[in-house]
N, C-alpha and C. Protein backbone atom coordinates (compact mmCIF):
# COMPACT_ATOMS: atom_id res chain seq x y z
N MET A 1 83.39 85.47 71.88
CA MET A 1 82.98 85.91 72.51
C MET A 1 82.97 85.21 74.17
N ILE A 2 83.12 86.40 75.27
CA ILE A 2 83.70 85.78 76.34
C ILE A 2 82.47 85.00 77.06
N SER A 3 82.27 84.05 77.64
CA SER A 3 81.02 83.76 78.46
C SER A 3 80.65 84.49 79.08
N ILE A 4 78.83 84.28 79.42
CA ILE A 4 78.79 85.20 81.19
C ILE A 4 79.51 85.33 81.91
N GLY A 5 79.74 83.41 82.08
CA GLY A 5 80.09 82.94 83.40
C GLY A 5 81.42 83.17 83.67
N SER A 6 82.25 83.68 82.44
CA SER A 6 83.82 84.11 82.60
C SER A 6 83.84 85.28 82.90
N THR A 7 83.19 86.51 82.24
CA THR A 7 82.82 88.01 82.58
C THR A 7 82.06 88.43 84.20
N MET A 8 81.95 87.29 84.73
CA MET A 8 80.58 87.79 86.14
C MET A 8 81.83 87.57 86.57
N ALA A 9 82.28 86.35 86.59
CA ALA A 9 82.57 85.83 87.86
C ALA A 9 84.25 86.75 88.00
N HIS A 10 84.97 87.33 86.95
CA HIS A 10 86.42 88.26 87.33
C HIS A 10 87.00 87.44 88.56
N GLY A 11 86.98 86.04 87.99
CA GLY A 11 87.90 85.47 89.28
C GLY A 11 89.62 86.24 89.01
N PRO A 12 90.51 85.79 89.56
CA PRO A 12 91.65 85.96 89.54
C PRO A 12 92.45 85.15 88.22
N ALA A 13 92.15 83.83 88.19
CA ALA A 13 92.56 83.07 87.00
C ALA A 13 92.17 83.90 85.69
N PHE A 14 90.94 84.22 86.19
CA PHE A 14 90.48 84.81 84.23
C PHE A 14 91.50 86.29 83.97
N ILE A 15 90.73 86.96 84.98
CA ILE A 15 91.67 88.25 84.85
C ILE A 15 93.53 87.77 84.46
N ALA A 16 93.60 87.10 85.56
CA ALA A 16 95.38 86.92 85.21
C ALA A 16 95.91 86.10 83.77
N ASP A 17 94.55 85.64 83.05
CA ASP A 17 95.26 85.25 81.79
C ASP A 17 94.69 86.88 80.99
N LEU A 18 93.79 87.59 80.85
CA LEU A 18 93.54 88.46 80.07
C LEU A 18 95.07 89.61 80.22
N ALA A 19 95.19 89.61 81.24
CA ALA A 19 96.72 90.06 81.40
C ALA A 19 97.70 89.73 81.21
N GLU A 20 97.73 88.73 81.00
CA GLU A 20 99.12 88.05 80.36
C GLU A 20 99.08 88.20 78.37
N ARG A 21 97.66 88.00 78.01
CA ARG A 21 96.91 88.63 76.58
C ARG A 21 97.17 89.69 76.26
N ALA A 22 96.65 90.98 77.12
CA ALA A 22 97.41 91.95 76.93
C ALA A 22 99.00 92.52 76.95
N SER A 23 98.98 91.77 77.78
CA SER A 23 100.85 91.94 77.79
C SER A 23 101.42 91.51 76.34
N THR A 24 101.25 90.51 75.80
CA THR A 24 101.70 90.42 74.78
C THR A 24 100.95 91.14 73.76
N ALA A 25 100.18 91.91 73.31
CA ALA A 25 99.57 92.53 72.42
C ALA A 25 100.30 93.79 72.88
N ARG A 26 100.33 94.15 73.93
CA ARG A 26 100.67 96.00 74.33
C ARG A 26 102.66 95.86 73.18
N ASP A 27 103.15 94.85 74.45
CA ASP A 27 104.69 94.76 73.03
C ASP A 27 104.63 94.15 72.00
N LYS A 28 103.87 93.65 71.03
CA LYS A 28 103.54 93.62 69.56
C LYS A 28 103.70 94.82 69.66
N ALA A 29 102.97 95.67 69.75
CA ALA A 29 102.94 97.15 69.15
C ALA A 29 103.34 97.76 69.82
N GLY A 30 104.97 97.79 70.73
CA GLY A 30 105.90 98.67 70.99
C GLY A 30 105.61 99.52 71.92
N GLY A 31 104.55 98.92 72.85
CA GLY A 31 104.41 99.74 73.87
C GLY A 31 104.70 98.74 75.23
N ALA A 32 105.94 98.74 75.20
CA ALA A 32 106.60 97.68 77.13
C ALA A 32 106.67 98.75 77.34
N GLY A 33 106.45 100.06 77.77
CA GLY A 33 106.70 100.65 78.34
C GLY A 33 105.69 101.23 79.72
N ILE A 34 104.34 100.80 78.93
CA ILE A 34 102.96 100.90 79.20
C ILE A 34 102.49 100.19 80.28
N THR A 35 102.29 100.27 81.84
CA THR A 35 101.56 99.73 82.34
C THR A 35 100.04 99.74 82.17
N MET A 36 99.90 98.42 83.57
CA MET A 36 98.06 98.11 83.12
C MET A 36 97.94 97.48 84.14
N HIS A 37 97.00 98.02 85.09
CA HIS A 37 96.07 97.86 86.17
C HIS A 37 95.36 97.20 85.78
N PHE A 38 94.47 96.10 86.17
CA PHE A 38 93.35 95.60 86.09
C PHE A 38 92.58 95.20 87.27
N ALA A 39 92.37 96.23 87.96
CA ALA A 39 91.92 96.35 89.47
C ALA A 39 91.16 97.78 89.66
N THR A 40 90.23 98.38 90.38
CA THR A 40 90.25 99.46 90.52
C THR A 40 90.38 100.11 91.83
N PRO A 41 90.76 101.19 91.74
CA PRO A 41 91.13 101.69 93.12
C PRO A 41 90.82 101.07 95.00
N GLN A 42 89.45 100.45 94.62
CA GLN A 42 88.34 100.03 95.33
C GLN A 42 89.17 98.69 95.73
N GLY A 43 89.82 98.10 94.60
CA GLY A 43 90.17 96.68 94.98
C GLY A 43 89.83 95.64 93.88
N TRP A 44 88.27 95.67 93.36
CA TRP A 44 87.41 95.00 92.95
C TRP A 44 88.23 94.86 91.28
N LEU A 45 88.76 93.47 90.94
CA LEU A 45 88.82 92.90 89.87
C LEU A 45 88.26 93.60 88.20
N THR A 46 88.96 94.09 87.17
CA THR A 46 88.12 94.51 86.13
C THR A 46 88.53 94.28 85.15
N ARG A 47 87.72 93.81 84.13
CA ARG A 47 88.09 94.06 82.75
C ARG A 47 88.66 95.26 81.72
N HIS A 48 88.75 96.69 82.51
CA HIS A 48 88.62 97.76 82.03
C HIS A 48 89.89 98.06 82.50
N PRO A 49 91.22 98.05 81.84
CA PRO A 49 92.68 98.18 82.72
C PRO A 49 92.93 99.94 82.65
N GLU A 50 93.23 100.37 83.71
CA GLU A 50 94.01 101.70 83.99
C GLU A 50 95.40 101.26 82.98
N LEU A 51 95.54 102.15 82.35
CA LEU A 51 97.02 102.27 81.32
C LEU A 51 98.14 103.74 82.40
N ASN A 52 98.95 103.57 82.63
CA ASN A 52 99.99 104.53 82.79
C ASN A 52 101.52 104.32 81.87
N GLY A 53 102.31 105.22 82.22
CA GLY A 53 103.69 105.19 82.04
C GLY A 53 103.95 105.52 80.37
N GLY A 54 105.10 105.13 80.06
CA GLY A 54 105.58 104.85 78.47
C GLY A 54 105.52 106.28 78.05
N ARG A 55 106.11 107.02 78.80
CA ARG A 55 106.42 109.21 78.56
C ARG A 55 107.44 108.66 77.31
N GLY A 56 107.90 108.25 77.18
CA GLY A 56 109.62 108.09 76.12
C GLY A 56 109.00 107.19 74.50
N LEU A 57 107.33 107.11 74.95
CA LEU A 57 107.19 106.28 73.37
C LEU A 57 106.88 107.18 72.48
N GLY A 58 106.25 108.17 73.29
CA GLY A 58 105.51 109.41 71.42
C GLY A 58 103.91 109.45 72.04
N SER A 59 103.08 110.10 71.29
CA SER A 59 101.94 109.39 71.41
C SER A 59 101.06 108.85 70.39
N ALA A 60 101.73 108.43 69.32
CA ALA A 60 100.93 107.43 68.51
C ALA A 60 101.36 106.15 68.43
N THR A 61 102.64 105.81 69.47
CA THR A 61 102.78 104.56 69.79
C THR A 61 102.31 103.78 70.97
N ARG A 62 101.52 105.16 71.81
CA ARG A 62 100.90 105.10 72.88
C ARG A 62 99.41 104.70 73.03
N ALA A 63 98.80 105.69 71.73
CA ALA A 63 97.81 105.46 71.20
C ALA A 63 97.58 103.81 70.20
N ARG A 64 98.31 103.54 69.96
CA ARG A 64 98.35 102.51 69.04
C ARG A 64 98.33 100.98 70.13
N ALA A 65 99.38 101.00 71.21
CA ALA A 65 99.76 99.81 72.05
C ALA A 65 97.98 99.71 73.19
N ALA A 66 96.98 101.36 72.96
CA ALA A 66 96.30 101.36 73.79
C ALA A 66 95.46 100.28 72.74
N ALA A 67 95.32 100.97 71.48
CA ALA A 67 94.22 99.90 70.83
C ALA A 67 94.63 98.74 70.62
N ALA A 68 95.40 97.90 70.85
CA ALA A 68 96.00 96.78 70.60
C ALA A 68 95.56 96.10 71.93
N ILE A 69 95.79 96.82 72.73
CA ILE A 69 95.06 96.38 74.05
C ILE A 69 93.49 96.39 74.16
N ALA A 70 92.88 97.61 74.19
CA ALA A 70 91.48 97.38 73.93
C ALA A 70 91.18 96.31 73.41
N ALA A 71 91.73 95.40 71.85
CA ALA A 71 90.89 95.20 71.20
C ALA A 71 91.56 93.35 71.27
N VAL A 72 92.47 92.53 72.51
CA VAL A 72 92.16 91.36 73.22
C VAL A 72 90.76 91.49 73.56
N PRO A 73 90.17 89.79 73.32
CA PRO A 73 89.20 89.38 73.52
C PRO A 73 88.78 89.51 74.98
N GLY A 74 87.75 89.60 75.42
CA GLY A 74 87.78 90.15 77.01
C GLY A 74 88.28 90.61 77.70
N VAL A 75 88.84 91.66 77.40
CA VAL A 75 89.07 92.82 77.31
C VAL A 75 88.18 94.23 77.39
N GLY A 76 87.34 94.75 77.51
CA GLY A 76 86.00 95.52 78.30
C GLY A 76 86.63 97.42 77.39
N GLY A 77 87.14 97.58 77.39
CA GLY A 77 87.47 98.79 77.28
C GLY A 77 89.38 98.96 77.83
N VAL A 78 89.90 99.82 77.79
CA VAL A 78 91.61 100.93 78.36
C VAL A 78 90.46 102.34 78.80
N HIS A 79 91.31 102.80 79.62
CA HIS A 79 91.88 104.37 80.34
C HIS A 79 93.37 104.44 80.54
N TRP A 80 93.40 105.90 80.57
CA TRP A 80 94.97 106.44 80.77
C TRP A 80 94.39 106.30 82.15
N ARG A 81 95.53 106.79 82.98
CA ARG A 81 95.28 107.26 84.48
C ARG A 81 95.36 108.77 84.26
N SER A 82 94.37 109.13 84.99
CA SER A 82 93.93 110.87 85.10
C SER A 82 95.07 111.05 85.93
N SER A 83 95.46 112.14 85.62
CA SER A 83 96.72 112.89 86.55
C SER A 83 95.55 114.36 88.24
N GLY A 84 94.02 113.85 87.29
CA GLY A 84 93.47 114.73 88.80
C GLY A 84 92.73 115.35 88.04
N ARG A 85 91.48 116.16 88.75
CA ARG A 85 90.11 116.54 88.10
C ARG A 85 90.65 117.67 86.74
N GLN A 86 91.82 118.34 87.32
CA GLN A 86 92.15 119.30 85.72
C GLN A 86 92.48 118.61 85.12
N GLY A 87 93.44 117.34 84.84
CA GLY A 87 93.49 116.66 83.32
C GLY A 87 92.38 115.63 82.82
N GLN A 88 91.43 115.83 83.78
CA GLN A 88 90.27 114.97 83.07
C GLN A 88 89.94 115.09 81.37
N THR A 89 89.76 114.37 80.77
CA THR A 89 89.37 114.45 79.53
C THR A 89 87.61 114.93 79.62
N ALA A 90 87.35 115.72 78.69
CA ALA A 90 85.89 116.03 78.65
C ALA A 90 84.70 114.71 78.40
N ILE A 91 85.52 113.64 78.34
CA ILE A 91 84.36 112.50 78.19
C ILE A 91 84.20 111.89 79.42
N GLU A 92 86.10 111.67 80.08
CA GLU A 92 85.80 111.04 81.66
C GLU A 92 85.18 112.10 82.22
N SER A 93 85.09 113.67 82.18
CA SER A 93 84.10 114.37 83.09
C SER A 93 82.71 114.44 83.07
N LYS A 94 82.40 114.19 81.52
CA LYS A 94 80.81 113.33 81.83
C LYS A 94 80.55 112.54 81.59
N ALA A 95 81.36 111.58 81.91
CA ALA A 95 80.76 109.92 82.15
C ALA A 95 80.49 110.35 84.22
N VAL A 96 81.82 110.86 84.74
CA VAL A 96 81.71 110.68 86.13
C VAL A 96 80.53 111.63 86.65
N GLN A 97 79.95 112.77 85.49
CA GLN A 97 78.55 113.33 86.17
C GLN A 97 77.46 112.67 85.95
N GLY A 98 77.29 112.07 84.69
CA GLY A 98 76.54 111.18 84.68
C GLY A 98 75.91 110.00 85.46
N SER A 99 77.26 109.34 85.59
CA SER A 99 77.09 108.22 86.81
C SER A 99 76.84 108.58 88.45
N LEU A 100 77.53 109.93 88.56
CA LEU A 100 76.77 110.43 90.36
C LEU A 100 75.34 110.88 89.92
N HIS A 101 74.81 111.23 88.90
CA HIS A 101 73.07 111.40 88.40
C HIS A 101 72.27 110.40 88.88
N CYS A 102 72.76 109.10 88.04
CA CYS A 102 72.29 108.11 87.86
C CYS A 102 72.15 107.57 89.78
N GLN A 103 73.31 107.06 90.08
CA GLN A 103 73.45 107.36 91.37
C GLN A 103 72.33 107.61 92.43
N LYS A 104 72.15 109.36 92.40
CA LYS A 104 71.30 109.81 93.33
C LYS A 104 70.13 109.34 92.88
N ASP A 105 69.58 109.25 91.59
CA ASP A 105 68.55 108.75 91.28
C ASP A 105 67.60 107.50 91.66
N VAL A 106 68.69 106.37 91.91
CA VAL A 106 68.33 105.22 92.08
C VAL A 106 68.29 105.21 93.95
N GLU A 107 68.75 106.26 94.56
CA GLU A 107 68.95 106.62 95.91
C GLU A 107 67.20 106.91 96.23
N ALA A 108 66.97 107.80 95.40
CA ALA A 108 65.50 108.46 95.52
C ALA A 108 64.80 107.65 95.90
N ILE A 109 65.05 106.95 94.48
CA ILE A 109 63.97 105.88 94.38
C ILE A 109 63.61 104.56 95.94
N LEU A 110 65.14 104.48 96.32
CA LEU A 110 64.69 103.68 97.37
C LEU A 110 64.80 104.17 98.80
N LYS A 111 64.21 105.45 98.65
CA LYS A 111 64.87 106.45 99.72
C LYS A 111 62.90 106.04 100.50
N ALA A 112 62.05 105.81 99.68
CA ALA A 112 60.71 105.49 101.07
C ALA A 112 60.32 103.93 100.47
N ARG A 113 61.03 103.51 100.26
CA ARG A 113 60.45 102.03 99.52
C ARG A 113 62.15 101.31 99.63
N SER A 114 61.50 99.96 99.97
CA SER A 114 62.80 99.12 99.87
C SER A 114 62.66 97.56 98.92
N ILE A 115 63.82 97.00 98.34
CA ILE A 115 63.74 95.71 98.01
C ILE A 115 63.30 94.60 98.46
N ARG A 116 62.31 93.87 98.73
CA ARG A 116 61.69 93.33 99.85
C ARG A 116 62.02 91.62 99.16
N PHE A 117 62.72 90.93 100.34
CA PHE A 117 62.68 89.34 99.58
C PHE A 117 61.56 88.54 100.84
N SER A 118 61.54 87.46 100.53
CA SER A 118 60.52 86.49 101.42
C SER A 118 61.35 86.06 102.77
N GLU A 119 61.20 85.85 103.94
CA GLU A 119 61.38 85.79 105.23
C GLU A 119 62.38 84.71 105.39
N ALA A 120 63.77 85.19 105.63
CA ALA A 120 64.75 83.94 105.46
C ALA A 120 65.48 83.79 104.58
N SER A 121 65.24 84.75 103.64
CA SER A 121 65.02 83.95 101.96
C SER A 121 65.71 85.19 101.32
N ALA A 122 66.85 84.63 100.10
CA ALA A 122 66.93 85.58 99.37
C ALA A 122 66.21 85.42 97.70
N SER A 123 64.94 84.96 98.17
CA SER A 123 64.09 85.17 97.15
C SER A 123 63.25 86.07 97.04
N ILE A 124 63.48 87.60 96.09
CA ILE A 124 62.99 88.27 95.94
C ILE A 124 61.30 88.17 95.94
N ASP A 125 60.65 88.89 96.75
CA ASP A 125 58.93 88.72 96.73
C ASP A 125 58.44 90.00 95.69
N PRO A 126 57.55 89.41 94.97
CA PRO A 126 56.86 89.58 93.65
C PRO A 126 56.47 90.93 93.77
N ALA A 127 56.25 91.63 94.90
CA ALA A 127 55.56 92.38 95.32
C ALA A 127 56.80 94.09 94.77
N SER A 128 58.09 94.01 94.85
CA SER A 128 59.35 94.55 94.56
C SER A 128 59.63 94.64 93.05
N GLU A 129 58.88 93.83 92.35
CA GLU A 129 59.48 93.20 90.68
C GLU A 129 58.90 94.88 90.29
N LYS A 130 57.83 95.71 90.54
CA LYS A 130 57.81 96.92 89.70
C LYS A 130 59.21 97.69 90.35
N LEU A 131 59.48 97.81 91.62
CA LEU A 131 60.62 98.52 92.16
C LEU A 131 61.90 98.60 91.21
N LEU A 132 62.20 96.90 91.41
CA LEU A 132 63.26 96.66 90.40
C LEU A 132 63.39 96.96 88.69
N ASP A 133 62.17 96.82 88.25
CA ASP A 133 61.77 98.24 86.79
C ASP A 133 62.57 99.25 87.11
N GLU A 134 61.83 99.88 87.58
CA GLU A 134 62.46 101.44 88.26
C GLU A 134 63.49 101.82 88.79
N VAL A 135 64.47 101.22 89.44
CA VAL A 135 65.89 100.54 89.70
C VAL A 135 66.67 100.65 88.11
N ALA A 136 66.25 99.53 87.47
CA ALA A 136 66.98 99.26 86.01
C ALA A 136 66.60 100.78 85.37
N SER A 137 65.92 100.92 85.20
CA SER A 137 65.78 101.88 84.61
C SER A 137 66.83 103.38 85.16
N ALA A 138 66.63 103.58 86.25
CA ALA A 138 67.63 104.71 86.66
C ALA A 138 69.06 104.06 86.87
N LEU A 139 69.43 103.31 86.06
CA LEU A 139 71.01 102.65 86.70
C LEU A 139 71.59 102.61 84.49
N GLY A 140 70.44 102.90 84.18
CA GLY A 140 70.52 102.41 82.95
C GLY A 140 71.92 103.50 82.11
N PRO A 141 71.91 104.74 82.59
CA PRO A 141 72.70 105.56 82.07
C PRO A 141 73.54 105.64 82.48
N CYS A 142 74.44 104.89 83.32
CA CYS A 142 75.75 103.64 84.55
C CYS A 142 76.02 102.70 83.68
N VAL A 143 75.04 102.51 82.52
CA VAL A 143 75.72 100.91 82.18
C VAL A 143 76.94 101.90 81.15
N GLY A 144 78.28 100.74 81.38
CA GLY A 144 79.68 100.76 81.04
C GLY A 144 80.43 101.32 82.56
N SER A 145 79.53 101.36 83.67
CA SER A 145 79.94 101.88 84.58
C SER A 145 80.55 100.42 85.54
N ILE A 146 81.08 100.23 86.59
CA ILE A 146 80.78 99.16 87.19
C ILE A 146 80.12 99.95 88.80
N ILE A 147 79.10 98.87 88.81
CA ILE A 147 78.13 99.09 89.86
C ILE A 147 78.18 98.02 91.10
N ALA A 148 78.00 98.55 92.36
CA ALA A 148 78.58 97.43 93.15
C ALA A 148 76.75 97.67 94.30
N ILE A 149 76.77 96.46 94.26
CA ILE A 149 75.25 95.94 95.25
C ILE A 149 75.48 95.46 96.08
N THR A 150 75.14 96.30 96.77
CA THR A 150 75.64 95.81 98.79
C THR A 150 74.44 95.12 99.29
N GLY A 151 74.07 93.68 100.14
CA GLY A 151 73.14 93.74 101.05
C GLY A 151 73.27 93.45 101.95
N HIS A 152 72.45 94.52 103.48
CA HIS A 152 72.77 94.49 104.59
C HIS A 152 71.63 93.47 105.22
N THR A 153 71.74 92.95 106.72
CA THR A 153 70.36 92.71 107.43
C THR A 153 70.57 93.51 108.78
N ASP A 154 69.62 93.33 109.85
CA ASP A 154 69.71 93.14 111.16
C ASP A 154 70.97 92.59 111.75
N SER A 155 70.96 93.23 112.95
CA SER A 155 71.91 92.39 113.84
C SER A 155 71.32 91.07 114.62
N ALA A 156 70.23 91.17 114.38
CA ALA A 156 69.40 89.13 115.02
C ALA A 156 70.13 88.35 114.16
N GLY A 157 69.84 87.16 115.66
CA GLY A 157 69.96 85.83 114.48
C GLY A 157 71.92 85.81 114.51
N ASP A 158 72.70 84.57 114.25
CA ASP A 158 73.46 84.88 113.88
C ASP A 158 74.07 85.16 112.89
N GLU A 159 75.41 85.79 113.00
CA GLU A 159 76.29 86.84 111.95
C GLU A 159 77.10 86.36 111.34
N GLY A 160 77.30 85.11 111.01
CA GLY A 160 77.46 84.13 109.60
C GLY A 160 76.58 84.05 108.96
N ALA A 161 75.42 83.66 109.44
CA ALA A 161 74.39 83.44 108.73
C ALA A 161 73.64 84.70 107.95
N ASN A 162 73.75 85.54 108.53
CA ASN A 162 73.24 86.91 108.49
C ASN A 162 73.99 87.68 107.33
N LEU A 163 75.67 87.12 107.16
CA LEU A 163 76.38 87.32 106.09
C LEU A 163 76.16 86.90 104.80
N ALA A 164 75.80 85.09 105.34
CA ALA A 164 75.82 84.77 103.69
C ALA A 164 74.21 85.12 103.56
N LEU A 165 73.15 85.26 103.87
CA LEU A 165 71.76 85.67 103.66
C LEU A 165 72.25 87.33 102.46
N SER A 166 72.82 88.11 103.75
CA SER A 166 73.35 89.71 103.02
C SER A 166 73.64 89.56 101.52
N ARG A 167 74.65 88.61 100.98
CA ARG A 167 75.58 88.27 100.12
C ARG A 167 74.32 87.42 99.05
N ALA A 168 73.61 86.47 99.31
CA ALA A 168 72.72 85.62 98.42
C ALA A 168 71.90 86.95 98.20
N ARG A 169 71.07 88.13 99.06
CA ARG A 169 70.13 88.73 98.33
C ARG A 169 71.11 89.41 97.44
N ALA A 170 72.10 90.13 97.58
CA ALA A 170 72.77 91.34 96.75
C ALA A 170 72.64 90.50 95.02
N GLU A 171 73.30 89.06 95.17
CA GLU A 171 73.05 88.33 94.11
C GLU A 171 72.14 88.28 93.27
N ALA A 172 71.38 87.67 94.19
CA ALA A 172 69.55 88.03 93.93
C ALA A 172 69.22 89.22 92.70
N VAL A 173 69.68 90.53 93.14
CA VAL A 173 69.29 91.42 92.65
C VAL A 173 70.11 91.28 91.43
N ARG A 174 71.21 91.38 91.72
CA ARG A 174 71.78 91.06 90.86
C ARG A 174 71.45 90.97 89.21
N TRP A 175 71.51 89.88 89.89
CA TRP A 175 70.77 88.76 88.48
C TRP A 175 69.26 89.60 87.86
N ALA A 176 68.38 90.28 89.31
CA ALA A 176 67.32 90.42 88.30
C ALA A 176 67.21 91.83 87.88
N LEU A 177 68.38 91.92 87.46
CA LEU A 177 68.97 93.62 86.79
C LEU A 177 69.34 92.95 85.67
N VAL A 178 70.46 92.13 85.59
CA VAL A 178 70.68 91.70 84.67
C VAL A 178 69.31 91.34 83.74
N GLY A 179 68.74 90.41 84.24
CA GLY A 179 67.63 90.18 82.61
C GLY A 179 66.46 91.07 82.81
N ARG A 180 67.06 92.23 83.15
CA ARG A 180 66.38 93.67 82.59
C ARG A 180 66.94 94.42 81.98
N GLY A 181 68.41 93.77 81.62
CA GLY A 181 68.65 94.55 80.55
C GLY A 181 70.65 95.29 80.88
N ILE A 182 70.54 95.36 82.03
CA ILE A 182 72.06 95.22 82.76
C ILE A 182 73.35 94.90 82.36
N PRO A 183 74.11 95.04 82.13
CA PRO A 183 74.97 94.30 81.73
C PRO A 183 75.43 93.58 82.73
N ALA A 184 76.39 92.27 83.20
CA ALA A 184 76.63 91.53 84.20
C ALA A 184 77.86 92.02 84.55
N ASP A 185 79.01 91.79 83.28
CA ASP A 185 80.11 92.24 83.78
C ASP A 185 80.06 93.49 84.52
N GLY A 186 79.06 94.56 84.14
CA GLY A 186 79.62 95.85 85.14
C GLY A 186 78.53 95.85 86.65
N LEU A 187 78.09 95.03 86.44
CA LEU A 187 77.67 94.95 88.41
C LEU A 187 78.16 93.94 89.24
N ARG A 188 78.46 94.52 90.63
CA ARG A 188 79.45 93.79 91.66
C ARG A 188 78.43 93.58 92.81
N ALA A 189 78.31 91.93 93.08
CA ALA A 189 77.54 91.88 94.24
C ALA A 189 78.36 91.79 95.46
N ASN A 190 77.65 92.01 96.81
CA ASN A 190 78.69 91.72 98.26
C ASN A 190 77.70 91.93 99.42
N GLY A 191 78.07 91.37 100.19
CA GLY A 191 77.08 91.36 101.44
C GLY A 191 77.83 91.85 102.87
N LYS A 192 77.30 92.60 103.05
CA LYS A 192 77.93 93.13 104.71
C LYS A 192 77.26 92.52 106.16
N GLY A 193 76.62 91.32 106.05
CA GLY A 193 75.81 91.24 106.79
C GLY A 193 75.18 92.38 108.15
N SER A 194 75.37 92.42 108.96
CA SER A 194 75.03 93.43 109.76
C SER A 194 76.05 94.74 111.28
N SER A 195 77.29 94.40 110.16
CA SER A 195 78.12 95.39 109.98
C SER A 195 77.95 96.95 109.71
N ASP A 196 77.35 97.06 108.87
CA ASP A 196 76.74 98.56 108.65
C ASP A 196 75.57 98.70 108.69
N PRO A 197 75.31 99.39 110.33
CA PRO A 197 73.76 99.19 110.38
C PRO A 197 73.48 100.96 110.35
N LEU A 198 72.39 101.66 109.92
CA LEU A 198 71.51 102.27 109.33
C LEU A 198 72.52 103.44 109.92
N GLU A 199 72.50 104.84 110.26
CA GLU A 199 73.08 105.77 111.34
C GLU A 199 71.89 106.14 111.84
N GLY A 200 71.89 105.93 113.50
CA GLY A 200 71.18 106.25 114.46
C GLY A 200 69.80 104.81 114.64
N LEU A 201 69.94 104.22 113.73
CA LEU A 201 69.40 103.09 114.66
C LEU A 201 69.88 102.21 114.72
N ASP A 202 68.69 101.47 116.43
CA ASP A 202 68.97 100.33 116.66
C ASP A 202 69.61 98.98 115.89
N PRO A 203 71.31 98.49 116.01
CA PRO A 203 71.21 97.22 115.05
C PRO A 203 70.26 96.26 114.86
N VAL A 204 69.51 96.27 115.70
CA VAL A 204 68.32 95.26 115.36
C VAL A 204 66.89 95.50 114.88
N ASP A 205 67.19 96.97 114.17
CA ASP A 205 65.85 97.50 113.43
C ASP A 205 65.86 96.57 112.43
N PRO A 206 64.98 96.39 111.98
CA PRO A 206 64.46 95.17 110.18
C PRO A 206 64.64 96.54 109.61
N ALA A 207 64.67 97.87 110.13
CA ALA A 207 65.34 98.88 108.72
C ALA A 207 66.16 98.70 108.05
N ASN A 208 67.25 97.99 109.06
CA ASN A 208 68.57 97.89 108.63
C ASN A 208 68.65 96.58 107.06
N ARG A 209 67.61 96.32 106.79
CA ARG A 209 67.45 95.21 105.75
C ARG A 209 67.39 95.96 105.03
N ARG A 210 68.82 95.89 103.91
CA ARG A 210 67.98 96.68 102.88
C ARG A 210 69.57 96.20 101.72
N ILE A 211 69.09 97.16 100.52
CA ILE A 211 70.19 96.55 99.19
C ILE A 211 70.38 98.76 98.75
N GLU A 212 72.08 98.60 98.76
CA GLU A 212 72.14 99.84 98.43
C GLU A 212 73.39 99.95 97.17
N PHE A 213 72.78 100.32 96.34
CA PHE A 213 73.98 100.25 95.16
C PHE A 213 75.13 101.88 95.74
N SER A 214 76.24 101.82 94.31
CA SER A 214 76.84 102.79 94.45
C SER A 214 77.71 102.64 93.03
N VAL A 215 78.03 103.48 92.68
CA VAL A 215 79.00 103.23 91.15
C VAL A 215 80.38 103.92 91.43
N ILE A 216 80.94 102.72 91.67
CA ILE A 216 83.01 102.42 91.92
C ILE A 216 83.61 102.87 91.10
N GLU A 217 83.11 102.94 89.99
CA GLU A 217 84.45 103.80 89.07
C GLU A 217 83.17 103.79 88.06
N THR A 218 83.74 104.79 87.09
CA THR A 218 83.20 104.96 85.47
C THR A 218 84.46 104.69 84.52
N MET A 219 83.39 103.65 83.69
CA MET A 219 84.16 103.83 82.56
C MET A 219 83.33 103.72 81.51
N PRO A 220 84.40 104.17 80.24
CA PRO A 220 83.46 103.98 78.74
C PRO A 220 82.61 102.74 78.63
N LEU A 221 81.34 103.09 77.38
CA LEU A 221 80.87 101.20 77.44
C LEU A 221 81.66 100.69 76.19
N LYS A 222 82.50 101.49 75.40
CA LYS A 222 82.96 101.37 74.46
C LYS A 222 84.34 101.77 74.55
N PRO A 223 85.54 100.76 74.00
CA PRO A 223 86.82 100.99 74.17
C PRO A 223 87.07 102.31 73.82
N THR A 224 87.56 103.32 73.92
CA THR A 224 88.47 105.03 73.85
C THR A 224 89.45 104.65 74.03
N PRO A 225 90.73 104.07 73.35
CA PRO A 225 92.02 104.05 73.05
C PRO A 225 92.35 105.20 72.56
N VAL A 226 91.59 106.21 71.78
CA VAL A 226 92.46 107.54 71.67
C VAL A 226 92.03 108.55 72.14
N ASP A 227 91.28 108.15 73.60
CA ASP A 227 91.50 109.35 74.42
C ASP A 227 92.77 110.14 74.37
N THR A 228 93.22 111.33 75.06
CA THR A 228 93.86 112.10 75.23
C THR A 228 94.65 111.28 76.11
N PRO A 229 95.87 110.43 76.26
CA PRO A 229 96.66 109.54 76.92
C PRO A 229 97.09 110.85 77.98
N GLY A 230 97.33 110.41 78.76
CA GLY A 230 97.59 111.42 80.33
C GLY A 230 99.37 111.11 80.25
N PRO A 231 99.50 112.31 81.09
CA PRO A 231 101.12 112.41 81.17
C PRO A 231 102.18 111.53 81.78
N GLY A 232 101.86 109.83 82.27
CA GLY A 232 101.86 108.92 82.28
C GLY A 232 102.91 109.32 83.84
């Protein structure tokens, strides 16, 4: 089993090693013409590589190679590049719909309430523990997807400090959700400081201090290498 520290970090070295071992497995399975991309369209490193190419290999060889890649320790599952909404499999379409639904549920929960922290700190206010329970429950249907947690601050004070604080608070929420059963390897924490205030609000307005969630990529929870491969 890959350690939580390794899967949590998704550092370049970890992904590079994973890609090298996946390439070896792919080649042994006869899938040398298949490319693997270990990053999401948004640039996040991921354990769920996107496969493409290998048109001349035949569907059986492509499926065998995909299964070999998915079996590499550390790979969280594979998916073939979709040729567009028309070409999505039923599994992919259902995953997209479910992810959009759970993201809207989280947004609705946070519309009137905010995850609160101690003053100038990344310590989560005890009063927000119940709210985090609700957020974790709403995110449950998204398990298997990559979920971004983004921290924001108002523009008061030093921007460097604001940026660091927003990142630390996003990371605190990430670990709070891990403690509530959301897998660590599907959560990404980031901070934007005061660079993205809410529309219509003064940048110094305290309401800009917030945590936002977004499902940035849908992924199968378990490897599904036998899904219909895209045309490459």
